[in-house]
C-alpha atoms as a PDB file:
ATOM      1  CA  MET A   1      -0.083   0.009  -0.001  1.00  0.00           C
ATOM      2  CA  THR A   2       1.462   3.353  -1.130  1.00  0.00           C
ATOM      3  CA  ARG A   3       0.922   6.335   1.229  1.00  0.00           C
ATOM      4  CA  SER A   4      -1.356   8.139  -1.329  1.00  0.00           C
ATOM      5  CA  SER A   5      -3.411   5.100  -1.286  1.00  0.00           C
ATOM      6  CA  ARG A   6      -3.589   4.932   2.328  1.00  0.00           C
ATOM      7  CA  LEU A   7      -5.337   8.143   2.364  1.00  0.00           C
ATOM      8  CA  ALA A   8      -8.389   6.368   0.876  1.00  0.00           C
ATOM      9  CA  ALA A   9      -7.957   3.514   3.176  1.00  0.00           C
ATOM     10  CA  ILE A  10      -8.605   5.343   6.249  1.00  0.00           C
ATOM     11  CA  PRO A  11     -12.503   5.192   6.271  1.00  0.00           C
ATOM     12  CA  LEU A  12     -12.242   1.560   5.069  1.00  0.00           C
ATOM     13  CA  LEU A  13     -10.017   0.858   8.265  1.00  0.00           C
ATOM     14  CA  LEU A  14     -12.545   2.514  10.660  1.00  0.00           C
ATOM     15  CA  THR A  15     -15.627   0.442   9.536  1.00  0.00           C
ATOM     16  CA  VAL A  16     -14.561  -2.748  11.073  1.00  0.00           C
ATOM     17  CA  SER A  17     -16.314  -1.635  14.279  1.00  0.00           C
ATOM     18  CA  ASN A  18     -19.004   0.532  15.902  1.00  0.00           C
ATOM     19  CA  ALA A  19     -18.939   3.543  18.070  1.00  0.00           C
ATOM     20  CA  ILE A  20     -21.373   6.236  19.429  1.00  0.00           C
ATOM     21  CA  GLY A  21     -20.935   9.687  20.661  1.00  0.00           C
ATOM     22  CA  ALA A  22     -21.273  13.418  19.862  1.00  0.00           C
ATOM     23  CA  SER A  23     -19.034  14.788  17.227  1.00  0.00           C
ATOM     24  CA  VAL A  24     -16.755  17.528  18.400  1.00  0.00           C
ATOM     25  CA  GLN A  25     -14.416  19.641  15.776  1.00  0.00           C
ATOM     26  CA  ASP A  26     -11.119  20.096  17.754  1.00  0.00           C
ATOM     27  CA  SER A  27      -9.209  23.359  17.146  1.00  0.00           C
ATOM     28  CA  GLY A  28      -5.508  24.211  16.723  1.00  0.00           C
ATOM     29  CA  GLY A  29      -2.415  22.414  18.311  1.00  0.00           C
ATOM     30  CA  ILE A  30       0.007  19.715  16.927  1.00  0.00           C
ATOM     31  CA  ASP A  31      -2.188  17.132  19.030  1.00  0.00           C
ATOM     32  CA  PRO A  32      -5.607  17.996  18.600  1.00  0.00           C
ATOM     33  CA  GLY A  33      -8.170  16.706  21.317  1.00  0.00           C
ATOM     34  CA  CYS A  34      -6.265  17.072  24.434  1.00  0.00           C
ATOM     35  CA  GLY A  35      -9.129  18.503  26.170  1.00  0.00           C
ATOM     36  CA  ALA A  36     -11.516  15.789  25.475  1.00  0.00           C
ATOM     37  CA  PRO A  37     -11.754  12.751  27.448  1.00  0.00           C
ATOM     38  CA  PRO A  38     -10.663   9.314  25.454  1.00  0.00           C
ATOM     39  CA  MET A  39     -13.388   7.101  24.455  1.00  0.00           C
ATOM     40  CA  GLY A  40     -14.239   4.674  27.155  1.00  0.00           C
ATOM     41  CA  SER A  41     -13.331   7.063  29.966  1.00  0.00           C
ATOM     42  CA  ALA A  42     -15.905   8.561  32.359  1.00  0.00           C
ATOM     43  CA  GLY A  43     -18.741  10.467  30.585  1.00  0.00           C
ATOM     44  CA  SER A  44     -18.170   8.490  27.308  1.00  0.00           C
ATOM     45  CA  PRO A  45     -20.741   5.869  27.088  1.00  0.00           C
ATOM     46  CA  MET A  46     -20.322   2.928  24.719  1.00  0.00           C
ATOM     47  CA  PRO A  47     -23.028   0.678  23.046  1.00  0.00           C
ATOM     48  CA  SER A  48     -22.771  -3.208  23.484  1.00  0.00           C
ATOM     49  CA  LEU A  49     -22.848  -4.255  20.150  1.00  0.00           C
ATOM     50  CA  GLY A  50     -20.052  -7.185  19.869  1.00  0.00           C
ATOM     51  CA  ALA A  51     -19.368  -6.535  23.515  1.00  0.00           C
ATOM     52  CA  ILE A  52     -17.958  -9.064  25.831  1.00  0.00           C
ATOM     53  CA  SER A  53     -18.708  -8.886  29.647  1.00  0.00           C
ATOM     54  CA  ASP A  54     -15.266  -9.666  30.963  1.00  0.00           C
ATOM     55  CA  GLN A  55     -12.993  -6.803  30.320  1.00  0.00           C
ATOM     56  CA  ASN A  56     -10.222  -8.701  31.952  1.00  0.00           C
ATOM     57  CA  ALA A  57     -10.313 -11.556  29.325  1.00  0.00           C
ATOM     58  CA  GLU A  58      -6.970 -12.649  28.036  1.00  0.00           C
ATOM     59  CA  TRP A  59      -6.111 -11.460  24.482  1.00  0.00           C
ATOM     60  CA  ASP A  60      -7.126 -13.784  21.859  1.00  0.00           C
ATOM     61  CA  ALA A  61      -6.618 -13.213  18.090  1.00  0.00           C
ATOM     62  CA  GLU A  62      -9.401 -15.448  16.738  1.00  0.00           C
ATOM     63  CA  SER A  63     -11.855 -14.423  19.290  1.00  0.00           C
ATOM     64  CA  LEU A  64     -11.181 -10.652  18.540  1.00  0.00           C
ATOM     65  CA  LEU A  65     -11.398 -11.084  15.042  1.00  0.00           C
ATOM     66  CA  GLU A  66     -14.724 -12.999  15.256  1.00  0.00           C
ATOM     67  CA  ARG A  67     -16.055  -9.936  17.299  1.00  0.00           C
ATOM     68  CA  LEU A  68     -14.965  -7.537  14.716  1.00  0.00           C
ATOM     69  CA  GLU A  69     -16.571  -9.601  11.971  1.00  0.00           C
ATOM     70  CA  ILE A  70     -19.733  -9.622  13.776  1.00  0.00           C
ATOM     71  CA  SER A  71     -19.638  -5.831  14.613  1.00  0.00           C
ATOM     72  CA  GLY A  72     -18.681  -4.960  11.008  1.00  0.00           C
ATOM     73  CA  ARG A  73     -21.788  -6.771   9.734  1.00  0.00           C
ATOM     74  CA  GLU A  74     -23.985  -4.661  11.876  1.00  0.00           C
ATOM     75  CA  MET A  75     -22.522  -1.113  10.597  1.00  0.00           C
ATOM     76  CA  ARG A  76     -24.686   0.905   8.380  1.00  0.00           C
ATOM     77  CA  SER A  77     -23.206   4.381   8.642  1.00  0.00           C
ATOM     78  CA  LEU A  78     -20.181   5.839  10.270  1.00  0.00           C
ATOM     79  CA  GLU A  79     -19.297   9.591  10.967  1.00  0.00           C
ATOM     80  CA  SER A  80     -16.390  10.825  12.854  1.00  0.00           C
ATOM     81  CA  ASP A  81     -13.915  13.580  13.453  1.00  0.00           C
ATOM     82  CA  LEU A  82     -10.432  12.359  13.070  1.00  0.00           C
ATOM     83  CA  THR A  83      -6.785  13.532  13.433  1.00  0.00           C
ATOM     84  CA  MET A  84      -3.925  12.244  11.321  1.00  0.00           C
ATOM     85  CA  ILE A  85      -0.215  12.581  11.905  1.00  0.00           C
ATOM     86  CA  ARG A  86       1.882  11.575   8.988  1.00  0.00           C
ATOM     87  CA  PHE A  87       5.704  11.183   9.493  1.00  0.00           C
ATOM     88  CA  ASP A  88       8.372  11.241   6.715  1.00  0.00           C
ATOM     89  CA  SER A  89      11.289   9.365   7.825  1.00  0.00           C
ATOM     90  CA  LEU A  90      13.614  10.758   5.195  1.00  0.00           C
ATOM     91  CA  LEU A  91      12.884  14.290   5.973  1.00  0.00           C
ATOM     92  CA  GLU A  92      12.265  13.628   9.903  1.00  0.00           C
ATOM     93  CA  GLU A  93       9.203  15.849   9.429  1.00  0.00           C
ATOM     94  CA  SER A  94       5.552  15.245  10.364  1.00  0.00           C
ATOM     95  CA  GLU A  95       2.352  17.019   9.229  1.00  0.00           C
ATOM     96  CA  THR A  96      -0.952  16.789  11.231  1.00  0.00           C
ATOM     97  CA  ARG A  97      -4.203  16.794   9.187  1.00  0.00           C
ATOM     98  CA  LEU A  98      -7.687  17.469  10.819  1.00  0.00           C
ATOM     99  CA  GLY A  99     -10.845  16.405   9.159  1.00  0.00           C
ATOM    100  CA  ARG A 100     -13.638  13.911   9.187  1.00  0.00           C
ATOM    101  CA  VAL A 101     -14.640  10.624   7.750  1.00  0.00           C
ATOM    102  CA  LEU A 102     -18.213   9.540   6.589  1.00  0.00           C
ATOM    103  CA  LEU A 103     -19.484   6.189   5.306  1.00  0.00           C
ATOM    104  CA  THR A 104     -22.878   4.521   4.266  1.00  0.00           C
ATOM    105  CA  HIS A 105     -23.404   0.931   3.727  1.00  0.00           C
ATOM    106  CA  GLU A 106     -26.497  -0.451   2.368  1.00  0.00           C
ATOM    107  CA  GLY A 107     -26.697  -3.837   0.736  1.00  0.00           C
ATOM    108  CA  ASP A 108     -23.879  -3.996  -2.037  1.00  0.00           C
ATOM    109  CA  ALA A 109     -23.742  -0.064  -2.239  1.00  0.00           C
ATOM    110  CA  THR A 110     -20.953   1.610  -0.105  1.00  0.00           C
ATOM    111  CA  ARG A 111     -20.246   5.202  -0.284  1.00  0.00           C
ATOM    112  CA  ILE A 112     -17.279   6.660   1.650  1.00  0.00           C
ATOM    113  CA  ALA A 113     -15.890  10.250   2.121  1.00  0.00           C
ATOM    114  CA  VAL A 114     -12.744  11.728   3.753  1.00  0.00           C
ATOM    115  CA  VAL A 115     -12.500  15.584   4.240  1.00  0.00           C
ATOM    116  CA  PHE A 116      -9.403  17.377   5.595  1.00  0.00           C
ATOM    117  CA  ASP A 117      -9.870  20.893   6.442  1.00  0.00           C
ATOM    118  CA  GLU A 118      -6.859  21.992   8.380  1.00  0.00           C
ATOM    119  CA  PHE A 119      -3.112  21.121   7.950  1.00  0.00           C
ATOM    120  CA  ILE A 120      -0.349  21.690  10.691  1.00  0.00           C
ATOM    121  CA  ASP A 121       3.155  21.469   9.816  1.00  0.00           C
ATOM    122  CA  GLY A 122       5.879  20.279  12.272  1.00  0.00           C
ATOM    123  CA  SER A 123       6.488  23.713  13.650  1.00  0.00           C
ATOM    124  CA  GLY A 124       2.980  23.984  14.585  1.00  0.00           C
ATOM    125  CA  HIS A 125       1.919  26.344  11.712  1.00  0.00           C
ATOM    126  CA  GLY A 126      -1.722  25.835  10.823  1.00  0.00           C
ATOM    127  CA  GLU A 127      -3.345  26.491   7.347  1.00  0.00           C
ATOM    128  CA  MET A 128      -7.084  25.939   6.438  1.00  0.00           C
ATOM    129  CA  ARG A 129      -6.967  24.031   3.179  1.00  0.00           C
ATOM    130  CA  LEU A 130      -9.843  21.690   1.817  1.00  0.00           C
ATOM    131  CA  GLN A 131      -9.172  18.343   0.480  1.00  0.00           C
ATOM    132  CA  HIS A 132     -12.118  15.947  -0.297  1.00  0.00           C
ATOM    133  CA  TRP A 133     -12.425  12.333  -1.382  1.00  0.00           C
ATOM    134  CA  VAL A 134     -15.420  10.210  -2.153  1.00  0.00           C
ATOM    135  CA  TYR A 135     -15.653   6.446  -3.046  1.00  0.00           C
ATOM    136  CA  ALA A 136     -18.894   5.626  -4.787  1.00  0.00           C
ATOM    137  CA  ASP A 137     -19.857   3.113  -7.628  1.00  0.00           C
ATOM    138  CA  GLY A 138     -16.189   2.002  -8.170  1.00  0.00           C
ATOM    139  CA  TRP A 139     -14.787   5.309  -8.679  1.00  0.00           C
ATOM    140  CA  LEU A 140     -12.553   7.387  -6.172  1.00  0.00           C
ATOM    141  CA  ASP A 141     -13.000  10.990  -6.654  1.00  0.00           C
ATOM    142  CA  GLU A 142     -10.600  13.712  -5.281  1.00  0.00           C
ATOM    143  CA  LEU A 143     -11.271  17.700  -4.815  1.00  0.00           C
ATOM    144  CA  ASP A 144      -8.106  19.512  -3.964  1.00  0.00           C
ATOM    145  CA  HIS A 145      -9.533  23.110  -3.361  1.00  0.00           C
ATOM    146  CA  HIS A 146      -6.223  24.654  -2.594  1.00  0.00           C
ATOM    147  CA  GLN A 147      -4.861  23.527  -6.228  1.00  0.00           C
ATOM    148  CA  LYS A 148      -8.071  23.611  -7.855  1.00  0.00           C
ATOM    149  CA  ARG A 149      -7.533  19.982  -9.006  1.00  0.00           C
ATOM    150  CA  TYR A 150     -10.055  17.243  -9.613  1.00  0.00           C
ATOM    151  CA  VAL A 151      -8.927  13.742  -9.962  1.00  0.00           C
ATOM    152  CA  ARG A 152     -11.180  10.968 -10.748  1.00  0.00           C
ATOM    153  CA  ARG A 153      -9.991   7.368 -10.508  1.00  0.00           C
ATOM    154  CA  GLN A 154     -11.895   4.200 -11.657  1.00  0.00           C
ATOM    155  CA  LEU A 155     -11.338   1.253  -9.778  1.00  0.00           C
ATOM    156  CA  VAL A 156     -13.616  -1.231 -10.844  1.00  0.00           C
ATOM    157  CA  MET A 157     -14.464  -2.180 -14.534  1.00  0.00           C
ATOM    158  CA  PRO A 158     -17.957  -1.288 -15.767  1.00  0.00           C
ATOM    159  CA  GLY A 159     -20.267  -4.255 -15.316  1.00  0.00           C
ATOM    160  CA  GLU A 160     -18.201  -5.665 -12.352  1.00  0.00           C
ATOM    161  CA  SER A 161     -19.004  -5.318  -8.695  1.00  0.00           C
ATOM    162  CA  VAL A 162     -16.146  -5.311  -5.969  1.00  0.00           C
ATOM    163  CA  ASP A 163     -16.906  -4.865  -2.104  1.00  0.00           C
ATOM    164  CA  PRO A 164     -14.658  -2.237  -1.139  1.00  0.00           C
ATOM    165  CA  LEU A 165     -14.494  -3.479   2.235  1.00  0.00           C
ATOM    166  CA  ARG A 166     -13.559  -7.235   1.351  1.00  0.00           C
ATOM    167  CA  LEU A 167      -9.953  -8.190   1.789  1.00  0.00           C
ATOM    168  CA  GLY A 168      -8.074  -9.045  -1.418  1.00  0.00           C
ATOM    169  CA  GLU A 169     -11.382  -7.930  -3.570  1.00  0.00           C
ATOM    170  CA  GLY A 170     -11.622  -4.284  -2.796  1.00  0.00           C
ATOM    171  CA  PRO A 171      -9.310  -1.397  -3.766  1.00  0.00           C
ATOM    172  CA  ILE A 172      -7.583  -1.056  -0.549  1.00  0.00           C
ATOM    173  CA  PRO A 173      -6.807  -4.848   0.637  1.00  0.00           C
ATOM    174  CA  LEU A 174      -7.222  -4.509   4.438  1.00  0.00           C
ATOM    175  CA  PRO A 175      -9.362  -6.523   6.835  1.00  0.00           C
ATOM    176  CA  ILE A 176     -12.567  -4.552   6.767  1.00  0.00           C
ATOM    177  CA  ALA A 177     -15.918  -6.237   7.986  1.00  0.00           C
ATOM    178  CA  GLN A 178     -15.073  -9.507   6.471  1.00  0.00           C
ATOM    179  CA  ARG A 179     -14.484 -13.116   7.642  1.00  0.00           C
ATOM    180  CA  LYS A 180     -11.882 -14.171  10.163  1.00  0.00           C
ATOM    181  CA  GLU A 181     -10.295 -16.562   7.778  1.00  0.00           C
ATOM    182  CA  ASP A 182      -9.510 -13.854   5.057  1.00  0.00           C
ATOM    183  CA  VAL A 183      -7.662 -11.672   7.752  1.00  0.00           C
ATOM    184  CA  LEU A 184      -5.603 -14.726   8.880  1.00  0.00           C
ATOM    185  CA  ALA A 185      -4.856 -15.957   5.265  1.00  0.00           C
ATOM    186  CA  ARG A 186      -3.457 -12.435   4.492  1.00  0.00           C
ATOM    187  CA  PHE A 187      -1.811 -11.435   8.023  1.00  0.00           C
ATOM    188  CA  GLU A 188       0.051 -12.720  11.039  1.00  0.00           C
ATOM    189  CA  VAL A 189      -2.128 -11.440  13.810  1.00  0.00           C
ATOM    190  CA  LEU A 190      -0.196 -10.392  16.974  1.00  0.00           C
ATOM    191  CA  GLU A 191      -1.255  -8.514  20.068  1.00  0.00           C
ATOM    192  CA  PRO A 192       0.598  -5.331  19.847  1.00  0.00           C
ATOM    193  CA  PRO A 193       2.640  -3.439  22.505  1.00  0.00           C
ATOM    194  CA  PRO A 194       1.053  -0.667  24.522  1.00  0.00           C
ATOM    195  CA  PRO A 195       0.320   2.343  22.106  1.00  0.00           C
ATOM    196  CA  SER A 196       3.001   5.149  22.358  1.00  0.00           C
ATOM    197  CA  PRO A 197       2.961   8.794  21.289  1.00  0.00           C
ATOM    198  CA  PRO A 198       1.811  10.706  19.209  1.00  0.00           C
ATOM    199  CA  LEU A 199      -2.027  10.617  19.741  1.00  0.00           C
ATOM    200  CA  LEU A 200      -2.605   6.875  20.566  1.00  0.00           C
ATOM    201  CA  ASP A 201      -0.841   7.278  24.207  1.00  0.00           C
ATOM    202  CA  ARG A 202      -4.187   8.648  25.485  1.00  0.00           C
ATOM    203  CA  LEU A 203      -6.147   5.561  24.793  1.00  0.00           C
ATOM    204  CA  GLU A 204      -7.660   3.872  27.697  1.00  0.00           C
ATOM    205  CA  ASP A 205      -9.490   0.629  28.295  1.00  0.00           C
ATOM    206  CA  PHE A 206      -8.503  -0.570  24.835  1.00  0.00           C
ATOM    207  CA  VAL A 207      -7.823  -3.704  22.963  1.00  0.00           C
ATOM    208  CA  GLY A 208      -5.533  -3.844  20.082  1.00  0.00           C
ATOM    209  CA  ILE A 209      -4.460  -5.892  17.096  1.00  0.00           C
ATOM    210  CA  ARG A 210      -1.112  -5.795  14.978  1.00  0.00           C
ATOM    211  CA  LEU A 211      -1.460  -7.172  11.499  1.00  0.00           C
ATOM    212  CA  VAL A 212       1.831  -8.326   9.811  1.00  0.00           C
ATOM    213  CA  PRO A 213       1.616  -8.922   6.040  1.00  0.00           C
ATOM    214  CA  ARG A 214       2.448 -12.411   5.325  1.00  0.00           C
ATOM    215  CA  PRO A 215       5.288 -13.001   2.908  1.00  0.00           C
ATOM    216  CA  GLY A 216       4.112 -12.814  -0.930  1.00  0.00           C
ATOM    217  CA  THR A 217       0.988 -10.851  -0.255  1.00  0.00           C
ATOM    218  CA  ASP A 218       0.530  -7.383  -1.690  1.00  0.00           C
ATOM    219  CA  LEU A 219       1.287  -5.359   1.118  1.00  0.00           C
ATOM    220  CA  ALA A 220       4.530  -7.135   2.454  1.00  0.00           C
ATOM    221  CA  SER A 221       6.880  -5.253   0.165  1.00  0.00           C
ATOM    222  CA  GLU A 222       6.082  -1.928   1.678  1.00  0.00           C
ATOM    223  CA  THR A 223       4.148  -2.349   4.974  1.00  0.00           C
ATOM    224  CA  ALA A 224       5.861  -3.533   8.121  1.00  0.00           C
ATOM    225  CA  TYR A 225       2.787  -3.771  10.190  1.00  0.00           C
ATOM    226  CA  ILE A 226      -0.624  -2.164  10.820  1.00  0.00           C
ATOM    227  CA  GLU A 227      -2.014  -1.582  14.275  1.00  0.00           C
ATOM    228  CA  LEU A 228      -5.789  -1.209  15.033  1.00  0.00           C
ATOM    229  CA  PHE A 229      -7.057  -0.171  18.460  1.00  0.00           C
ATOM    230  CA  TYR A 230     -10.449  -0.524  19.910  1.00  0.00           C
ATOM    231  CA  GLN A 231     -12.623   0.196  22.973  1.00  0.00           C
ATOM    232  CA  ARG A 232     -12.371  -3.001  24.745  1.00  0.00           C
ATOM    233  CA  GLU A 233     -16.115  -3.731  25.529  1.00  0.00           C
ATOM    234  CA  SER A 234     -17.863  -2.140  22.492  1.00  0.00           C
ATOM    235  CA  LEU A 235     -15.067  -2.425  20.012  1.00  0.00           C
ATOM    236  CA  ALA A 236     -15.520   1.113  19.089  1.00  0.00           C
ATOM    237  CA  PRO A 237     -12.524   2.248  16.806  1.00  0.00           C
ATOM    238  CA  LEU A 238     -10.030   4.523  18.631  1.00  0.00           C
ATOM    239  CA  GLY A 239      -7.002   4.689  16.416  1.00  0.00           C
ATOM    240  CA  MET A 240      -4.696   3.004  14.143  1.00  0.00           C
ATOM    241  CA  ARG A 241      -0.874   3.264  13.072  1.00  0.00           C
ATOM    242  CA  VAL A 242       0.787   1.960   9.779  1.00  0.00           C
ATOM    243  CA  LEU A 243       4.420   1.622   9.763  1.00  0.00           C
ATOM    244  CA  ASP A 244       6.137   1.250   6.438  1.00  0.00           C
ATOM    245  CA  ARG A 245       9.310  -0.583   5.856  1.00  0.00           C
ATOM    246  CA  ASN A 246      11.082   2.806   5.002  1.00  0.00           C
ATOM    247  CA  GLY A 247      10.191   4.152   8.543  1.00  0.00           C
ATOM    248  CA  ASP A 248       7.623   6.275   7.172  1.00  0.00           C
ATOM    249  CA  ARG A 249       4.324   5.920   9.485  1.00  0.00           C
ATOM    250  CA  ASP A 250       0.773   7.177   9.456  1.00  0.00           C
ATOM    251  CA  THR A 251      -1.156   7.463  12.969  1.00  0.00           C
ATOM    252  CA  ILE A 252      -4.735   8.328  13.253  1.00  0.00           C
ATOM    253  CA  LEU A 253      -6.842   9.248  16.044  1.00  0.00           C
ATOM    254  CA  LEU A 254     -10.846   9.024  16.239  1.00  0.00           C
ATOM    255  CA  ARG A 255     -12.575  11.741  18.054  1.00  0.00           C
ATOM    256  CA  ARG A 256     -16.111  10.624  19.235  1.00  0.00           C
ATOM    257  CA  PRO A 257     -17.351   8.740  16.247  1.00  0.00           C
ATOM    258  CA  GLN A 258     -21.059   7.877  15.559  1.00  0.00           C
ATOM    259  CA  VAL A 259     -22.250   4.541  14.044  1.00  0.00           C
ATOM    260  CA  ASN A 260     -25.598   3.868  12.560  1.00  0.00           C
ATOM    261  CA  VAL A 261     -26.693   7.306  13.545  1.00  0.00           C
ATOM    262  CA  PRO A 262     -28.825   9.195  10.606  1.00  0.00           C
ATOM    263  CA  LEU A 263     -26.466  11.675   8.990  1.00  0.00           C
ATOM    264  CA  GLY A 264     -27.620  15.368   8.890  1.00  0.00           C
ATOM    265  CA  GLU A 265     -28.086  16.972   5.395  1.00  0.00           C
ATOM    266  CA  ASP A 266     -24.758  18.669   5.617  1.00  0.00           C
ATOM    267  CA  ARG A 267     -23.089  15.563   6.291  1.00  0.00           C
ATOM    268  CA  GLN A 268     -25.143  13.691   3.521  1.00  0.00           C
ATOM    269  CA  GLY A 269     -23.919  16.273   0.944  1.00  0.00           C
ATOM    270  CA  LEU A 270     -20.060  15.435   1.651  1.00  0.00           C
ATOM    271  CA  LEU A 271     -20.889  11.963   0.485  1.00  0.00           C
ATOM    272  CA  LEU A 272     -21.932  13.424  -2.823  1.00  0.00           C
ATOM    273  CA  LEU A 273     -19.113  15.287  -4.684  1.00  0.00           C
ATOM    274  CA  THR A 274     -20.151  17.431  -7.546  1.00  0.00           C
ATOM    275  CA  PRO A 275     -17.603  17.768 -10.263  1.00  0.00           C
ATOM    276  CA  PRO A 276     -16.210  21.356 -10.502  1.00  0.00           C
ATOM    277  CA  ASP A 277     -16.222  23.511 -13.577  1.00  0.00           C
ATOM    278  CA  PRO A 278     -13.442  22.280 -15.975  1.00  0.00           C
ATOM    279  CA  ALA A 279     -12.961  25.910 -17.217  1.00  0.00           C
ATOM    280  CA  GLU A 280     -11.702  26.791 -13.665  1.00  0.00           C
ATOM    281  CA  TRP A 281     -10.348  23.375 -12.437  1.00  0.00           C
ATOM    282  CA  ALA A 282      -7.684  21.184 -13.718  1.00  0.00           C
ATOM    283  CA  TRP A 283      -9.232  17.721 -14.602  1.00  0.00           C
ATOM    284  CA  ASP A 284      -7.477  14.510 -14.372  1.00  0.00           C
ATOM    285  CA  VAL A 285      -9.630  11.494 -15.149  1.00  0.00           C
ATOM    286  CA  ARG A 286      -8.324   7.916 -15.122  1.00  0.00           C
ATOM    287  CA  PRO A 287     -10.388   5.062 -16.218  1.00  0.00           C
ATOM    288  CA  LEU A 288      -9.373   1.472 -16.093  1.00  0.00           C
ATOM    289  CA  LYS A 289      -8.002  -0.060 -19.294  1.00  0.00           C
ATOM    290  CA  ARG A 290      -8.274  -3.872 -19.469  1.00  0.00           C
ATOM    291  CA  ASP A 291      -5.001  -5.657 -20.366  1.00  0.00           C
ATOM    292  CA  PRO A 292      -6.147  -7.803 -23.516  1.00  0.00           C
ATOM    293  CA  THR A 293      -3.469 -10.548 -22.614  1.00  0.00           C
ATOM    294  CA  ALA A 294      -4.698 -10.570 -19.008  1.00  0.00           C
ATOM    295  CA  THR A 295      -7.045 -12.803 -17.176  1.00  0.00           C
ATOM    296  CA  SER A 296     -10.979 -11.411 -17.210  1.00  0.00           C
ATOM    297  CA  ASP A 297     -10.552 -10.015 -13.509  1.00  0.00           C
ATOM    298  CA  SER A 298      -7.424  -7.974 -14.260  1.00  0.00           C
ATOM    299  CA  ALA A 299      -7.349  -4.393 -15.115  1.00  0.00           C
ATOM    300  CA  ALA A 300      -5.041  -1.198 -14.637  1.00  0.00           C
ATOM    301  CA  THR A 301      -5.667   2.613 -13.891  1.00  0.00           C
ATOM    302  CA  SER A 302      -4.652   4.499 -17.025  1.00  0.00           C
ATOM    303  CA  ASP A 303      -1.923   7.130 -16.452  1.00  0.00           C
ATOM    304  CA  ALA A 304      -3.419   9.104 -19.366  1.00  0.00           C
ATOM    305  CA  SER A 305      -5.414  12.131 -18.313  1.00  0.00           C
ATOM    306  CA  VAL A 306      -8.797  12.544 -19.937  1.00  0.00           C
ATOM    307  CA  GLU A 307     -10.368  15.828 -20.394  1.00  0.00           C
ATOM    308  CA  PRO A 308     -14.191  16.225 -19.860  1.00  0.00           C
END
């Protein structure tokens, strides 16, 4: 998984579990959300979907994967503010992004939006800058309002169907709301060490899972491991960390997400990206082109830009 594709993976990674709570937009600072109680602490009630009664139960990979599979099947919508810190090991610099993620899932139809509206560099300087991604109907659309650039990538061939949340079948091959057996086939599943700074060191009453790509799989060459953290009883998603083999890492903290709660009109609008005026924006449309020598299920995104 490249770092650019991981940006689209964020909402997918978060749909493996359920959560409730009021959505709050944090402001300023390199480590937003410090003033809010961590999920699972006093004043932050949790649902009981997929819950276990014994919070002191010994960590067990297969049991946790089974609970995540059940929890994922019950998910119909997700909305959450989030904070992401990206660290570049070569430059030894970090960047913080603040935004939100939204997802709806009904039958075979899944629609996902990721919006970042604030960027903070390593020195703490903040800038309001809007970037908007939407996945729907086999296409991933991106609006970069700062550069006035619109990119539309086709991820599924016409007439074909792909579950974007299924391991090995969707555009982002990660364990999202799927069978335990699929995860075990692609990853070695381990108990992670206690989460460390930034962001994740504030987690309380959590359970975690570390996924190490198995040799020969599509993630093995670039990704060292993926860590996911959940509230212990409810399996509410709390955060994640992805470490690349070159030392780059992405760390994400969810800020009081809501699951299976009706989305307001303003939030629903974020799931419906409107293409901008091509006279004012640069367009880059990348349809899939099937290789005539490849198998029927093989296709690649064209590098050529197509003007509207």
